[in-house]
């Protein structure tokens, strides 16, 4: 029976980042179990994208995968425009707002919009080149059993079982590991569904992330590094009520695009739909304890948040970097429980912030909308407050894992 130091279940962005981070500063033997293969990058952008902040960029740089990501497709953005559809409030952020924070020239971006497939492929191919990382992709896991000093993992189809000193569940929101280990979770339906798609923007995205708050929820236009017949493309994330999502997805492409144009006040021109639409329900999830003896949960397996601020994947990548640091310094139950408290605190803070923003933009009386608009405009004219907001979103704060620091 093969034995490993760490078995990672889930070869998504977070799981693969953990594997590479563990190997960067240790000789640990890593196993990765996932039956979902990588697929080739095509000319057509994937509809699922992530907003990568500076902290996550540094993680990828330190793992020597950022160059592979940028060699494919990634779109930096230097501006963000947020406005209230039903009021007068607006917020504008730009790279000028972070000049005083001390980021270097290469980091002078508000973020990067990158297709999930592009990131996963770069991480996967890097991990394949590491002799200390073994992939198990032929059969799904069937069972996990914890012993005193190891965890036994068996596969379907009578494949050879393996054992590991620790198992990490990085297998997404519907985590199989979490269910197998009966790890309790708090969850709440956001009463929103997200519609994602790729659209053409005739007036260009202007290296800007656009977000409008509608009465039914936020609509974001995220700039893509792709064009169609000379026109720039955006990825949309349209968070709205389940009934409204059903109505919108039942429309044909032309009528759906007209709704987007109207919702965005025509700021990006007459929108055209360029892809299929996908819809998924949005649920807040937070595991009560992310460590159970020798099993640890990270990423969406441990927490999911509303996508309105685009911080979900960054939170998961921080989990991976933090856990790798624990393993390469001193791993014991006390250290793992400290890790669990730290990451739960970060996730809880983000969940609370998302809930507050969502509640602030729910349909309300005219007086409340007026005050909300005044508040947005006040923040827009307070450089110090804007600096604090943007520094939090970029991951520019103290106490982050070492892997988030710019390599010298």
Protein backbone atom coordinates (compact mmCIF):
# COMPACT_ATOMS: atom_id res chain seq x y z
CA UNK A 1 0.00 0.00 0.00
CA UNK A 2 1.36 3.40 -0.98
CA UNK A 3 1.80 5.88 1.84
CA UNK A 4 1.94 9.67 1.56
CA UNK A 5 2.48 12.55 3.93
CA UNK A 6 -0.60 14.40 2.65
CA UNK A 7 -3.54 13.31 0.50
CA UNK A 8 -5.33 16.25 -1.12
CA UNK A 9 -8.84 15.49 -2.32
CA UNK A 10 -9.72 17.90 -5.10
CA UNK A 11 -7.44 19.19 -7.86
CA UNK A 12 -9.05 22.56 -8.34
CA UNK A 13 -7.26 25.87 -7.96
CA UNK A 14 -7.04 25.64 -4.17
CA UNK A 15 -6.02 21.98 -3.93
CA UNK A 16 -3.31 22.30 -6.58
CA UNK A 17 -2.01 25.49 -4.97
CA UNK A 18 -1.70 23.64 -1.66
CA UNK A 19 0.22 20.78 -3.31
CA UNK A 20 2.74 23.15 -4.90
CA UNK A 21 3.03 25.23 -1.73
CA UNK A 22 3.77 22.12 0.35
CA UNK A 23 6.47 21.04 -2.06
CA UNK A 24 8.07 24.48 -2.31
CA UNK A 25 9.65 24.34 1.13
CA UNK A 26 9.55 20.65 2.06
CA UNK A 27 10.19 17.13 0.83
CA UNK A 28 6.69 15.94 1.74
CA UNK A 29 5.19 13.28 -0.55
CA UNK A 30 1.82 14.47 -1.82
CA UNK A 31 -1.09 12.57 -3.36
CA UNK A 32 -3.89 14.32 -5.24
CA UNK A 33 -7.19 12.54 -5.92
CA UNK A 34 -9.57 13.99 -8.52
CA UNK A 35 -11.25 12.41 -11.54
CA UNK A 36 -11.99 15.71 -13.32
CA UNK A 37 -9.32 16.11 -16.04
CA UNK A 38 -7.95 19.39 -17.28
CA UNK A 39 -9.17 20.50 -20.69
CA UNK A 40 -7.37 22.42 -23.41
CA UNK A 41 -7.57 26.21 -23.57
CA UNK A 42 -9.67 27.20 -26.58
CA UNK A 43 -10.15 30.50 -28.39
CA UNK A 44 -13.51 30.94 -26.67
CA UNK A 45 -13.19 32.22 -23.08
CA UNK A 46 -14.58 30.07 -20.29
CA UNK A 47 -17.64 31.58 -18.62
CA UNK A 48 -16.35 30.91 -15.08
CA UNK A 49 -13.68 33.43 -14.05
CA UNK A 50 -11.98 34.59 -10.87
CA UNK A 51 -10.91 38.03 -9.69
CA UNK A 52 -7.35 37.55 -8.47
CA UNK A 53 -5.94 40.10 -6.02
CA UNK A 54 -2.33 41.06 -5.36
CA UNK A 55 -1.91 38.60 -2.48
CA UNK A 56 -3.02 35.72 -4.70
CA UNK A 57 -0.80 36.95 -7.54
CA UNK A 58 2.19 36.80 -5.19
CA UNK A 59 1.26 33.23 -4.24
CA UNK A 60 1.27 32.24 -7.91
CA UNK A 61 4.54 34.08 -8.51
CA UNK A 62 6.21 32.32 -5.59
CA UNK A 63 5.00 28.96 -6.94
CA UNK A 64 6.43 29.84 -10.40
CA UNK A 65 3.07 29.57 -12.20
CA UNK A 66 2.23 33.25 -12.76
CA UNK A 67 4.30 33.33 -15.94
CA UNK A 68 2.34 30.37 -17.34
CA UNK A 69 -0.94 32.09 -16.44
CA UNK A 70 0.02 35.36 -18.10
CA UNK A 71 1.27 33.49 -21.17
CA UNK A 72 -2.34 32.37 -21.69
CA UNK A 73 -5.14 34.86 -20.96
CA UNK A 74 -5.47 37.31 -18.09
CA UNK A 75 -6.92 40.80 -17.94
CA UNK A 76 -5.58 43.34 -15.48
CA UNK A 77 -7.92 46.10 -14.47
CA UNK A 78 -6.97 49.48 -13.06
CA UNK A 79 -10.42 50.87 -12.34
CA UNK A 80 -13.67 49.88 -10.69
CA UNK A 81 -17.00 51.65 -11.13
CA UNK A 82 -19.89 50.83 -8.79
CA UNK A 83 -23.28 52.48 -8.87
CA UNK A 84 -26.79 52.22 -7.45
CA UNK A 85 -29.42 51.74 -10.16
CA UNK A 86 -32.26 53.02 -8.00
CA UNK A 87 -30.42 55.96 -6.46
CA UNK A 88 -27.70 58.53 -7.00
CA UNK A 89 -24.88 56.74 -5.20
CA UNK A 90 -21.65 55.77 -6.95
CA UNK A 91 -18.12 54.68 -6.10
CA UNK A 92 -15.05 54.92 -8.30
CA UNK A 93 -11.77 53.21 -7.50
CA UNK A 94 -8.55 53.47 -9.48
CA UNK A 95 -4.88 52.52 -9.28
CA UNK A 96 -4.27 56.05 -7.98
CA UNK A 97 -6.09 55.07 -4.78
CA UNK A 98 -3.36 52.55 -3.93
CA UNK A 99 -0.27 54.60 -4.84
CA UNK A 100 0.43 55.41 -1.21
CA UNK A 101 0.20 51.77 -0.11
CA UNK A 102 3.60 50.97 -1.57
CA UNK A 103 2.85 48.42 -4.26
CA UNK A 104 5.46 48.16 -6.99
CA UNK A 105 4.85 48.99 -10.65
CA UNK A 106 3.98 45.41 -11.64
CA UNK A 107 1.40 45.25 -8.86
CA UNK A 108 -0.23 48.58 -9.69
CA UNK A 109 -3.51 46.95 -10.61
CA UNK A 110 -6.77 46.59 -8.75
CA UNK A 111 -6.77 42.94 -9.78
CA UNK A 112 -6.74 40.45 -12.62
CA UNK A 113 -9.73 38.68 -14.18
CA UNK A 114 -8.63 35.18 -15.17
CA UNK A 115 -10.58 32.19 -16.44
CA UNK A 116 -10.66 29.36 -13.90
CA UNK A 117 -9.52 26.94 -16.58
CA UNK A 118 -6.39 29.02 -17.29
CA UNK A 119 -5.37 29.02 -13.62
CA UNK A 120 -6.12 25.33 -13.08
CA UNK A 121 -4.23 24.25 -16.19
CA UNK A 122 -1.12 26.19 -15.16
CA UNK A 123 -1.18 24.72 -11.65
CA UNK A 124 -1.89 21.19 -12.90
CA UNK A 125 0.96 21.17 -15.42
CA UNK A 126 3.36 22.53 -12.81
CA UNK A 127 2.32 19.83 -10.34
CA UNK A 128 2.75 17.12 -12.99
CA UNK A 129 6.41 18.11 -13.29
CA UNK A 130 7.05 17.55 -9.57
CA UNK A 131 8.21 14.01 -8.74
CA UNK A 132 6.93 14.44 -5.19
CA UNK A 133 3.30 14.83 -6.33
CA UNK A 134 1.30 11.77 -7.44
CA UNK A 135 -2.06 12.03 -9.19
CA UNK A 136 -4.89 9.53 -8.69
CA UNK A 137 -7.39 10.32 -11.42
CA UNK A 138 -8.81 6.98 -12.59
CA UNK A 139 -11.25 6.16 -9.78
CA UNK A 140 -13.32 8.12 -7.30
CA UNK A 141 -12.65 7.76 -3.60
CA UNK A 142 -15.06 5.42 -1.85
CA UNK A 143 -14.19 5.74 1.83
CA UNK A 144 -11.95 7.45 4.37
CA UNK A 145 -11.07 5.84 7.69
CA UNK A 146 -8.99 7.54 10.37
CA UNK A 147 -6.50 5.56 12.42
CA UNK A 148 -4.35 6.78 15.31
CA UNK A 149 -1.53 8.03 13.10
CA UNK A 150 -2.84 7.89 9.54
CA UNK A 151 -5.91 7.99 7.31
CA UNK A 152 -6.82 5.12 4.99
CA UNK A 153 -8.41 5.98 1.64
CA UNK A 154 -10.09 3.41 -0.57
CA UNK A 155 -11.21 3.86 -4.17
CA UNK A 156 -14.14 2.61 -6.22
CA UNK A 157 -13.63 -0.15 -8.81
CA UNK A 158 -11.32 -2.07 -6.45
CA UNK A 159 -8.42 0.26 -7.14
CA UNK A 160 -5.44 -0.06 -4.80
CA UNK A 161 -6.06 1.87 -1.54
CA UNK A 162 -3.57 4.38 -0.16
CA UNK A 163 -2.88 5.90 3.24
CA UNK A 164 -1.64 9.31 4.34
CA UNK A 165 -0.63 11.04 7.54
CA UNK A 166 -3.16 13.78 6.79
CA UNK A 167 -6.05 14.31 4.37
CA UNK A 168 -7.07 17.73 3.08
CA UNK A 169 -10.51 18.23 1.61
CA UNK A 170 -10.26 20.84 -1.16
CA UNK A 171 -13.14 19.35 -3.09
CA UNK A 172 -15.51 22.28 -3.34
CA UNK A 173 -18.80 23.48 -1.91
CA UNK A 174 -20.42 20.03 -1.99
CA UNK A 175 -17.38 18.44 -0.39
CA UNK A 176 -17.35 14.64 -0.34
CA UNK A 177 -14.68 14.71 2.38
CA UNK A 178 -16.82 16.92 4.60
CA UNK A 179 -19.76 14.55 4.27
CA UNK A 180 -17.61 11.45 4.81
CA UNK A 181 -16.19 12.85 8.03
CA UNK A 182 -19.55 14.22 9.19
CA UNK A 183 -18.14 17.72 9.76
CA UNK A 184 -20.98 20.04 10.76
CA UNK A 185 -21.69 23.11 8.66
CA UNK A 186 -23.70 26.30 9.08
CA UNK A 187 -25.45 27.35 5.89
CA UNK A 188 -27.92 29.95 4.70
CA UNK A 189 -29.58 30.37 1.34
CA UNK A 190 -28.77 33.82 -0.05
CA UNK A 191 -32.06 33.61 -2.01
CA UNK A 192 -30.00 34.49 -5.08
CA UNK A 193 -29.01 32.62 -8.21
CA UNK A 194 -25.97 33.68 -10.21
CA UNK A 195 -26.11 33.83 -14.01
CA UNK A 196 -22.70 33.73 -15.68
CA UNK A 197 -21.92 34.28 -19.35
CA UNK A 198 -19.57 36.03 -21.76
CA UNK A 199 -20.77 39.18 -23.50
CA UNK A 200 -19.48 41.62 -26.12
CA UNK A 201 -19.14 45.26 -25.06
CA UNK A 202 -19.07 47.57 -28.12
CA UNK A 203 -17.89 50.58 -26.12
CA UNK A 204 -15.09 48.55 -24.49
CA UNK A 205 -14.51 47.61 -20.88
CA UNK A 206 -11.80 50.29 -20.42
CA UNK A 207 -9.77 48.03 -18.09
CA UNK A 208 -12.56 48.52 -15.59
CA UNK A 209 -14.62 46.18 -13.40
CA UNK A 210 -18.21 47.43 -13.52
CA UNK A 211 -20.88 46.64 -10.93
CA UNK A 212 -24.41 47.96 -10.71
CA UNK A 213 -26.72 47.23 -7.79
CA UNK A 214 -30.23 46.53 -9.06
CA UNK A 215 -33.35 46.07 -6.96
CA UNK A 216 -33.00 42.30 -7.40
CA UNK A 217 -29.23 42.08 -6.81
CA UNK A 218 -25.80 43.02 -8.20
CA UNK A 219 -24.73 42.70 -11.84
CA UNK A 220 -20.99 42.71 -12.54
CA UNK A 221 -19.17 43.11 -15.85
CA UNK A 222 -15.62 41.77 -15.49
CA UNK A 223 -13.12 42.63 -18.26
CA UNK A 224 -11.66 39.76 -20.27
CA UNK A 225 -8.45 39.42 -22.24
CA UNK A 226 -10.31 38.48 -25.41
CA UNK A 227 -12.02 40.14 -28.34
CA UNK A 228 -14.64 39.28 -30.95
CA UNK A 229 -14.45 41.09 -34.28
CA UNK A 230 -12.43 43.84 -32.65
CA UNK A 231 -14.80 44.35 -29.72
CA UNK A 232 -13.78 43.67 -26.13
CA UNK A 233 -15.51 41.01 -24.06
CA UNK A 234 -16.65 40.85 -20.45
CA UNK A 235 -17.70 38.04 -18.16
CA UNK A 236 -20.94 38.79 -16.35
CA UNK A 237 -22.01 37.62 -12.91
CA UNK A 238 -25.68 38.48 -12.48
CA UNK A 239 -26.88 37.72 -8.94
CA UNK A 240 -30.63 37.91 -8.71
CA UNK A 241 -33.70 36.27 -7.21
CA UNK A 242 -34.49 32.69 -8.30
CA UNK A 243 -37.67 33.81 -10.09
CA UNK A 244 -35.87 36.60 -11.91
CA UNK A 245 -33.03 34.25 -12.88
CA UNK A 246 -35.57 31.84 -14.31
CA UNK A 247 -37.18 34.63 -16.31
CA UNK A 248 -33.88 35.96 -17.62
CA UNK A 249 -32.52 32.58 -18.69
CA UNK A 250 -35.78 31.82 -20.51
CA UNK A 251 -35.23 34.84 -22.76
CA UNK A 252 -33.50 34.38 -26.09
CA UNK A 253 -29.99 35.76 -26.45
CA UNK A 254 -31.05 39.04 -28.06
CA UNK A 255 -33.64 39.91 -25.43
CA UNK A 256 -31.32 38.85 -22.60
CA UNK A 257 -28.63 41.18 -23.98
CA UNK A 258 -31.15 44.03 -24.14
CA UNK A 259 -31.88 43.51 -20.45
CA UNK A 260 -28.15 43.72 -19.69
CA UNK A 261 -27.80 46.92 -21.72
CA UNK A 262 -30.71 48.53 -19.89
CA UNK A 263 -29.51 47.33 -16.47
CA UNK A 264 -26.04 48.79 -17.09
CA UNK A 265 -27.45 52.11 -18.36
CA UNK A 266 -25.73 51.50 -21.69
CA UNK A 267 -22.33 52.31 -20.18
CA UNK A 268 -20.66 49.50 -22.14
CA UNK A 269 -22.74 49.96 -25.28
CA UNK A 270 -25.36 47.63 -26.76
CA UNK A 271 -24.42 44.31 -25.14
CA UNK A 272 -24.34 41.09 -27.19
CA UNK A 273 -24.44 37.61 -25.69
CA UNK A 274 -21.45 35.54 -26.85
CA UNK A 275 -21.83 32.27 -24.91
CA UNK A 276 -24.24 29.92 -23.26
CA UNK A 277 -25.57 30.97 -19.88
CA UNK A 278 -25.05 28.97 -16.70
CA UNK A 279 -27.01 29.44 -13.50
CA UNK A 280 -26.25 28.22 -10.00
CA UNK A 281 -27.77 28.91 -6.57
CA UNK A 282 -25.82 30.98 -4.06
CA UNK A 283 -25.49 29.66 -0.53
CA UNK A 284 -23.45 30.82 2.44
CA UNK A 285 -21.61 27.88 4.00
CA UNK A 286 -19.25 27.83 6.98
CA UNK A 287 -17.92 24.63 8.49
CA UNK A 288 -18.05 24.76 12.29
CA UNK A 289 -14.67 23.05 12.71
CA UNK A 290 -12.39 22.70 9.68
CA UNK A 291 -10.05 20.24 11.44
CA UNK A 292 -11.14 16.81 12.62
CA UNK A 293 -8.14 14.87 13.89
CA UNK A 294 -6.11 14.26 10.71
CA UNK A 295 -8.62 15.67 8.21
CA UNK A 296 -8.62 19.36 7.24
CA UNK A 297 -10.99 21.35 5.02
CA UNK A 298 -9.95 24.37 2.96
CA UNK A 299 -11.44 26.57 0.24
CA UNK A 300 -15.09 26.14 -0.70
CA UNK A 301 -15.18 22.87 1.23
CA UNK A 302 -14.85 25.00 4.39
CA UNK A 303 -16.69 28.19 3.38
CA UNK A 304 -18.60 29.78 0.52
CA UNK A 305 -19.54 33.45 0.28
CA UNK A 306 -21.59 35.68 -2.01
CA UNK A 307 -19.66 36.52 -5.20
CA UNK A 308 -20.54 40.23 -5.16
CA UNK A 309 -17.02 41.19 -4.01
CA UNK A 310 -15.20 38.45 -5.93
CA UNK A 311 -13.22 37.29 -2.90
CA UNK A 312 -14.12 33.59 -2.72
CA UNK A 313 -11.11 32.16 -4.54
CA UNK A 314 -8.70 34.58 -2.84
CA UNK A 315 -9.96 33.38 0.53
CA UNK A 316 -9.38 29.78 -0.52
CA UNK A 317 -5.87 30.47 -1.80
CA UNK A 318 -5.04 32.05 1.55
CA UNK A 319 -6.26 28.84 3.22
CA UNK A 320 -3.84 26.86 1.07
CA UNK A 321 -0.90 29.17 1.76
CA UNK A 322 -1.60 29.22 5.49
CA UNK A 323 -1.93 25.43 5.76
CA UNK A 324 1.26 24.87 3.77
CA UNK A 325 3.08 27.17 6.19
CA UNK A 326 1.85 25.10 9.14
CA UNK A 327 3.06 21.87 7.52
CA UNK A 328 6.49 23.24 6.65
CA UNK A 329 7.07 24.77 10.10
CA UNK A 330 5.53 22.53 12.75
CA UNK A 331 2.45 20.43 12.23
CA UNK A 332 0.62 19.05 15.27
CA UNK A 333 -2.94 19.16 16.54
CA UNK A 334 -2.41 22.44 18.38
CA UNK A 335 -1.02 24.13 15.27
CA UNK A 336 -3.86 22.78 13.12
CA UNK A 337 -6.50 24.02 15.54
CA UNK A 338 -4.84 27.44 15.56
CA UNK A 339 -4.96 27.38 11.75
CA UNK A 340 -8.67 26.46 11.87
CA UNK A 341 -9.50 29.37 14.21
CA UNK A 342 -7.53 31.81 12.06
CA UNK A 343 -9.16 30.80 8.79
CA UNK A 344 -12.66 30.62 10.32
CA UNK A 345 -12.21 34.15 11.66
CA UNK A 346 -11.21 35.41 8.20
CA UNK A 347 -14.13 33.63 6.54
CA UNK A 348 -16.61 34.87 9.15
CA UNK A 349 -15.44 38.45 8.65
CA UNK A 350 -15.89 38.16 4.90
CA UNK A 351 -19.32 36.51 5.23
CA UNK A 352 -20.48 39.31 7.54
CA UNK A 353 -19.23 41.97 5.15
CA UNK A 354 -21.02 40.37 2.19
CA UNK A 355 -24.24 40.08 4.21
CA UNK A 356 -24.03 43.74 5.14
CA UNK A 357 -23.53 44.90 1.56
CA UNK A 358 -26.31 42.65 0.29
CA UNK A 359 -28.71 43.91 2.95
CA UNK A 360 -27.82 47.55 2.24
CA UNK A 361 -28.93 47.16 -1.37
CA UNK A 362 -32.15 45.22 -0.85
CA UNK A 363 -35.32 47.08 -1.97
CA UNK A 364 -36.09 49.76 0.62
CA UNK A 365 -38.06 52.94 1.10
CA UNK A 366 -37.04 56.06 -0.83
CA UNK A 367 -35.60 57.74 2.26
CA UNK A 368 -33.28 54.80 2.92
CA UNK A 369 -32.17 54.77 -0.74
CA UNK A 370 -31.40 58.49 -0.46
CA UNK A 371 -29.25 57.97 2.64
CA UNK A 372 -27.52 55.00 0.98
CA UNK A 373 -26.67 57.16 -2.02
CA UNK A 374 -25.31 59.91 0.22
CA UNK A 375 -23.16 57.33 2.01
CA UNK A 376 -21.70 55.99 -1.24
CA UNK A 377 -20.93 59.49 -2.49
CA UNK A 378 -19.37 60.42 0.86
CA UNK A 379 -17.06 57.40 0.74
CA UNK A 380 -16.24 58.24 -2.87
CA UNK A 381 -14.86 61.59 -1.69
CA UNK A 382 -12.89 60.29 1.31
CA UNK A 383 -9.47 59.10 0.06
CA UNK A 384 -8.49 57.49 3.39
CA UNK A 385 -11.65 55.37 3.54
CA UNK A 386 -11.30 54.35 -0.11
CA UNK A 387 -7.68 53.39 0.54
CA UNK A 388 -8.72 51.15 3.44
CA UNK A 389 -11.47 49.47 1.43
CA UNK A 390 -9.25 48.77 -1.55
CA UNK A 391 -6.32 47.56 0.55
CA UNK A 392 -8.58 44.98 2.20
CA UNK A 393 -9.85 43.76 -1.18
CA UNK A 394 -6.31 43.53 -2.57
CA UNK A 395 -5.05 41.47 0.34
CA UNK A 396 -2.69 44.22 1.51
CA UNK A 397 -2.80 43.71 5.25
CA UNK A 398 -0.71 42.33 8.08
CA UNK A 399 -0.69 38.76 9.30
CA UNK A 400 -1.00 37.01 5.93
CA UNK A 401 0.88 33.79 5.11
CA UNK A 402 4.52 34.18 4.01
CA UNK A 403 3.68 32.93 0.54
CA UNK A 404 1.66 36.11 -0.12
CA UNK A 405 4.75 38.29 0.22
CA UNK A 406 6.51 39.57 -2.88
CA UNK A 407 9.63 37.50 -3.53
CA UNK A 408 12.85 39.51 -3.63
